[in-house]
Amino acid sequence: MEASAALVHQVHVQILAFLPKHCCTLANVAKSLELNLRTLQRHLAAVEMNFEDCVDEVRRVQAENLLCHSDLSAAEIARLLGYVRASSFDRAHRRWFSMTPLEHRDRLKEAWPLMVEETV
């Protein structure tokens, strides 16, 4: 894995750790990676990303994972993803997947047996 991809991965790991604590900021992630805030911004810009894009991507991937592999409510998932209000999660989810979280869960659960059969 090249250095920039490794750094983006480390940023994603830190974001995932900070989201449920509701303290996911660029400053906190930079500090946890022992990088200057501006240095982290430059590294992300070098791969045409910014911190907000990283947070959005982590939230999107984790939302789909939690919807598929847990029975947590949409409100609980929203909290784990660092949203103060479930309605904010609902709006983001509609932007990502063009459906509500519960509609998405239903579709994922319907497709899950098909995905398992395809891998066997």
C-alpha atoms as a PDB file:
ATOM      1  CA  MET A   1       0.000   0.000   0.000  1.00  0.00           C
ATOM      2  CA  GLU A   2       1.464   3.326  -0.998  1.00  0.00           C
ATOM      3  CA  ALA A   3       2.074   5.972   1.664  1.00  0.00           C
ATOM      4  CA  SER A   4      -0.871   8.220   0.765  1.00  0.00           C
ATOM      5  CA  ALA A   5      -3.318   5.282   0.705  1.00  0.00           C
ATOM      6  CA  ALA A   6      -1.950   4.120   4.052  1.00  0.00           C
ATOM      7  CA  LEU A   7      -2.471   7.583   5.530  1.00  0.00           C
ATOM      8  CA  VAL A   8      -6.051   7.787   4.242  1.00  0.00           C
ATOM      9  CA  HIS A   9      -6.692   4.368   5.791  1.00  0.00           C
ATOM     10  CA  GLN A  10      -5.263   5.584   9.126  1.00  0.00           C
ATOM     11  CA  VAL A  11      -7.456   8.693   8.929  1.00  0.00           C
ATOM     12  CA  HIS A  12     -10.512   6.477   8.326  1.00  0.00           C
ATOM     13  CA  VAL A  13      -9.622   4.291  11.316  1.00  0.00           C
ATOM     14  CA  GLN A  14      -9.316   7.348  13.559  1.00  0.00           C
ATOM     15  CA  ILE A  15     -12.570   8.815  12.266  1.00  0.00           C
ATOM     16  CA  LEU A  16     -14.332   5.544  13.043  1.00  0.00           C
ATOM     17  CA  ALA A  17     -12.975   5.683  16.595  1.00  0.00           C
ATOM     18  CA  PHE A  18     -13.965   9.318  17.164  1.00  0.00           C
ATOM     19  CA  LEU A  19     -17.460   9.298  15.614  1.00  0.00           C
ATOM     20  CA  PRO A  20     -19.348   7.589  18.486  1.00  0.00           C
ATOM     21  CA  LYS A  21     -17.651   9.928  20.971  1.00  0.00           C
ATOM     22  CA  HIS A  22     -19.004  12.957  19.069  1.00  0.00           C
ATOM     23  CA  CYS A  23     -15.534  14.486  18.942  1.00  0.00           C
ATOM     24  CA  CYS A  24     -14.516  13.693  15.382  1.00  0.00           C
ATOM     25  CA  THR A  25     -12.605  16.770  14.303  1.00  0.00           C
ATOM     26  CA  LEU A  26      -9.684  17.328  11.997  1.00  0.00           C
ATOM     27  CA  ALA A  27      -7.672  18.559  14.974  1.00  0.00           C
ATOM     28  CA  ASN A  28      -8.370  15.401  17.020  1.00  0.00           C
ATOM     29  CA  VAL A  29      -7.549  13.079  14.128  1.00  0.00           C
ATOM     30  CA  ALA A  30      -4.333  14.980  13.329  1.00  0.00           C
ATOM     31  CA  LYS A  31      -3.290  14.835  16.975  1.00  0.00           C
ATOM     32  CA  SER A  32      -3.995  11.100  17.207  1.00  0.00           C
ATOM     33  CA  LEU A  33      -1.831  10.548  14.110  1.00  0.00           C
ATOM     34  CA  GLU A  34       0.880  12.821  15.549  1.00  0.00           C
ATOM     35  CA  LEU A  35       0.620  15.158  12.582  1.00  0.00           C
ATOM     36  CA  ASN A  36       0.277  18.897  12.357  1.00  0.00           C
ATOM     37  CA  LEU A  37      -3.250  19.841  11.330  1.00  0.00           C
ATOM     38  CA  ARG A  38      -2.059  21.642   8.186  1.00  0.00           C
ATOM     39  CA  THR A  39       0.229  18.706   7.280  1.00  0.00           C
ATOM     40  CA  LEU A  40      -2.720  16.319   7.416  1.00  0.00           C
ATOM     41  CA  GLN A  41      -4.773  18.684   5.244  1.00  0.00           C
ATOM     42  CA  ARG A  42      -1.920  18.817   2.685  1.00  0.00           C
ATOM     43  CA  HIS A  43      -1.600  15.007   2.606  1.00  0.00           C
ATOM     44  CA  LEU A  44      -5.336  14.634   2.033  1.00  0.00           C
ATOM     45  CA  ALA A  45      -5.323  17.344  -0.641  1.00  0.00           C
ATOM     46  CA  ALA A  46      -2.502  15.489  -2.411  1.00  0.00           C
ATOM     47  CA  VAL A  47      -4.919  12.590  -2.992  1.00  0.00           C
ATOM     48  CA  GLU A  48      -7.750  15.013  -3.850  1.00  0.00           C
ATOM     49  CA  MET A  49      -9.596  14.490  -0.575  1.00  0.00           C
ATOM     50  CA  ASN A  50     -10.489  16.602   2.390  1.00  0.00           C
ATOM     51  CA  PHE A  51     -11.438  15.698   5.949  1.00  0.00           C
ATOM     52  CA  GLU A  52     -15.174  16.134   5.360  1.00  0.00           C
ATOM     53  CA  ASP A  53     -15.006  13.692   2.419  1.00  0.00           C
ATOM     54  CA  CYS A  54     -13.271  11.152   4.660  1.00  0.00           C
ATOM     55  CA  VAL A  55     -15.888  11.516   7.402  1.00  0.00           C
ATOM     56  CA  ASP A  56     -18.691  11.170   4.859  1.00  0.00           C
ATOM     57  CA  GLU A  57     -17.139   8.025   3.342  1.00  0.00           C
ATOM     58  CA  VAL A  58     -16.590   6.388   6.750  1.00  0.00           C
ATOM     59  CA  ARG A  59     -20.160   7.186   7.770  1.00  0.00           C
ATOM     60  CA  ARG A  60     -21.555   5.808   4.491  1.00  0.00           C
ATOM     61  CA  VAL A  61     -19.640   2.537   4.683  1.00  0.00           C
ATOM     62  CA  GLN A  62     -20.324   2.063   8.391  1.00  0.00           C
ATOM     63  CA  ALA A  63     -24.020   2.874   7.977  1.00  0.00           C
ATOM     64  CA  GLU A  64     -24.396   0.176   5.340  1.00  0.00           C
ATOM     65  CA  ASN A  65     -22.440  -2.296   7.465  1.00  0.00           C
ATOM     66  CA  LEU A  66     -24.543  -1.623  10.569  1.00  0.00           C
ATOM     67  CA  LEU A  67     -27.812  -1.747   8.649  1.00  0.00           C
ATOM     68  CA  CYS A  68     -26.890  -5.101   7.135  1.00  0.00           C
ATOM     69  CA  HIS A  69     -25.232  -6.802  10.100  1.00  0.00           C
ATOM     70  CA  SER A  70     -27.038  -5.466  13.167  1.00  0.00           C
ATOM     71  CA  ASP A  71     -30.524  -4.914  14.483  1.00  0.00           C
ATOM     72  CA  LEU A  72     -29.716  -1.449  15.814  1.00  0.00           C
ATOM     73  CA  SER A  73     -32.365   1.190  15.243  1.00  0.00           C
ATOM     74  CA  ALA A  74     -31.718   4.037  12.831  1.00  0.00           C
ATOM     75  CA  ALA A  75     -31.436   6.376  15.845  1.00  0.00           C
ATOM     76  CA  GLU A  76     -28.778   4.149  17.445  1.00  0.00           C
ATOM     77  CA  ILE A  77     -26.845   3.965  14.190  1.00  0.00           C
ATOM     78  CA  ALA A  78     -27.086   7.750  13.856  1.00  0.00           C
ATOM     79  CA  ARG A  79     -25.572   8.149  17.324  1.00  0.00           C
ATOM     80  CA  LEU A  80     -22.731   5.714  16.550  1.00  0.00           C
ATOM     81  CA  LEU A  81     -21.980   7.668  13.389  1.00  0.00           C
ATOM     82  CA  GLY A  82     -21.684  10.910  15.324  1.00  0.00           C
ATOM     83  CA  TYR A  83     -24.998  12.486  14.398  1.00  0.00           C
ATOM     84  CA  VAL A  84     -26.747  14.520  17.080  1.00  0.00           C
ATOM     85  CA  ARG A  85     -30.141  14.038  15.436  1.00  0.00           C
ATOM     86  CA  ALA A  86     -31.456  10.949  13.675  1.00  0.00           C
ATOM     87  CA  SER A  87     -33.000  13.254  11.059  1.00  0.00           C
ATOM     88  CA  SER A  88     -29.492  14.345   9.998  1.00  0.00           C
ATOM     89  CA  PHE A  89     -28.535  10.707   9.493  1.00  0.00           C
ATOM     90  CA  ASP A  90     -31.738  10.120   7.539  1.00  0.00           C
ATOM     91  CA  ARG A  91     -30.944  13.025   5.182  1.00  0.00           C
ATOM     92  CA  ALA A  92     -27.346  11.858   4.675  1.00  0.00           C
ATOM     93  CA  HIS A  93     -28.520   8.298   4.065  1.00  0.00           C
ATOM     94  CA  ARG A  94     -31.011   9.475   1.431  1.00  0.00           C
ATOM     95  CA  ARG A  95     -28.171  11.408  -0.252  1.00  0.00           C
ATOM     96  CA  TRP A  96     -25.930   8.315  -0.279  1.00  0.00           C
ATOM     97  CA  PHE A  97     -28.430   5.638  -1.240  1.00  0.00           C
ATOM     98  CA  SER A  98     -31.611   7.428  -2.416  1.00  0.00           C
ATOM     99  CA  MET A  99     -33.720   5.640   0.210  1.00  0.00           C
ATOM    100  CA  THR A 100     -34.369   5.710   3.946  1.00  0.00           C
ATOM    101  CA  PRO A 101     -32.185   3.659   6.291  1.00  0.00           C
ATOM    102  CA  LEU A 102     -35.033   1.224   6.987  1.00  0.00           C
ATOM    103  CA  GLU A 103     -35.771   0.736   3.280  1.00  0.00           C
ATOM    104  CA  HIS A 104     -32.069   0.107   2.751  1.00  0.00           C
ATOM    105  CA  ARG A 105     -31.967  -2.433   5.596  1.00  0.00           C
ATOM    106  CA  ASP A 106     -34.908  -4.303   4.078  1.00  0.00           C
ATOM    107  CA  ARG A 107     -33.177  -4.447   0.688  1.00  0.00           C
ATOM    108  CA  LEU A 108     -29.884  -5.553   2.221  1.00  0.00           C
ATOM    109  CA  LYS A 109     -31.576  -8.301   4.224  1.00  0.00           C
ATOM    110  CA  GLU A 110     -33.437  -9.500   1.102  1.00  0.00           C
ATOM    111  CA  ALA A 111     -30.174  -9.601  -0.876  1.00  0.00           C
ATOM    112  CA  TRP A 112     -28.082 -11.184   1.904  1.00  0.00           C
ATOM    113  CA  PRO A 113     -29.094 -14.842   1.231  1.00  0.00           C
ATOM    114  CA  LEU A 114     -28.401 -14.291  -2.471  1.00  0.00           C
ATOM    115  CA  MET A 115     -24.928 -12.908  -1.707  1.00  0.00           C
ATOM    116  CA  VAL A 116     -24.129 -15.904   0.510  1.00  0.00           C
ATOM    117  CA  GLU A 117     -25.298 -18.370  -2.158  1.00  0.00           C
ATOM    118  CA  GLU A 118     -23.128 -16.668  -4.807  1.00  0.00           C
ATOM    119  CA  THR A 119     -19.976 -17.084  -2.701  1.00  0.00           C
ATOM    120  CA  VAL A 120     -20.545 -20.797  -2.029  1.00  0.00           C
END
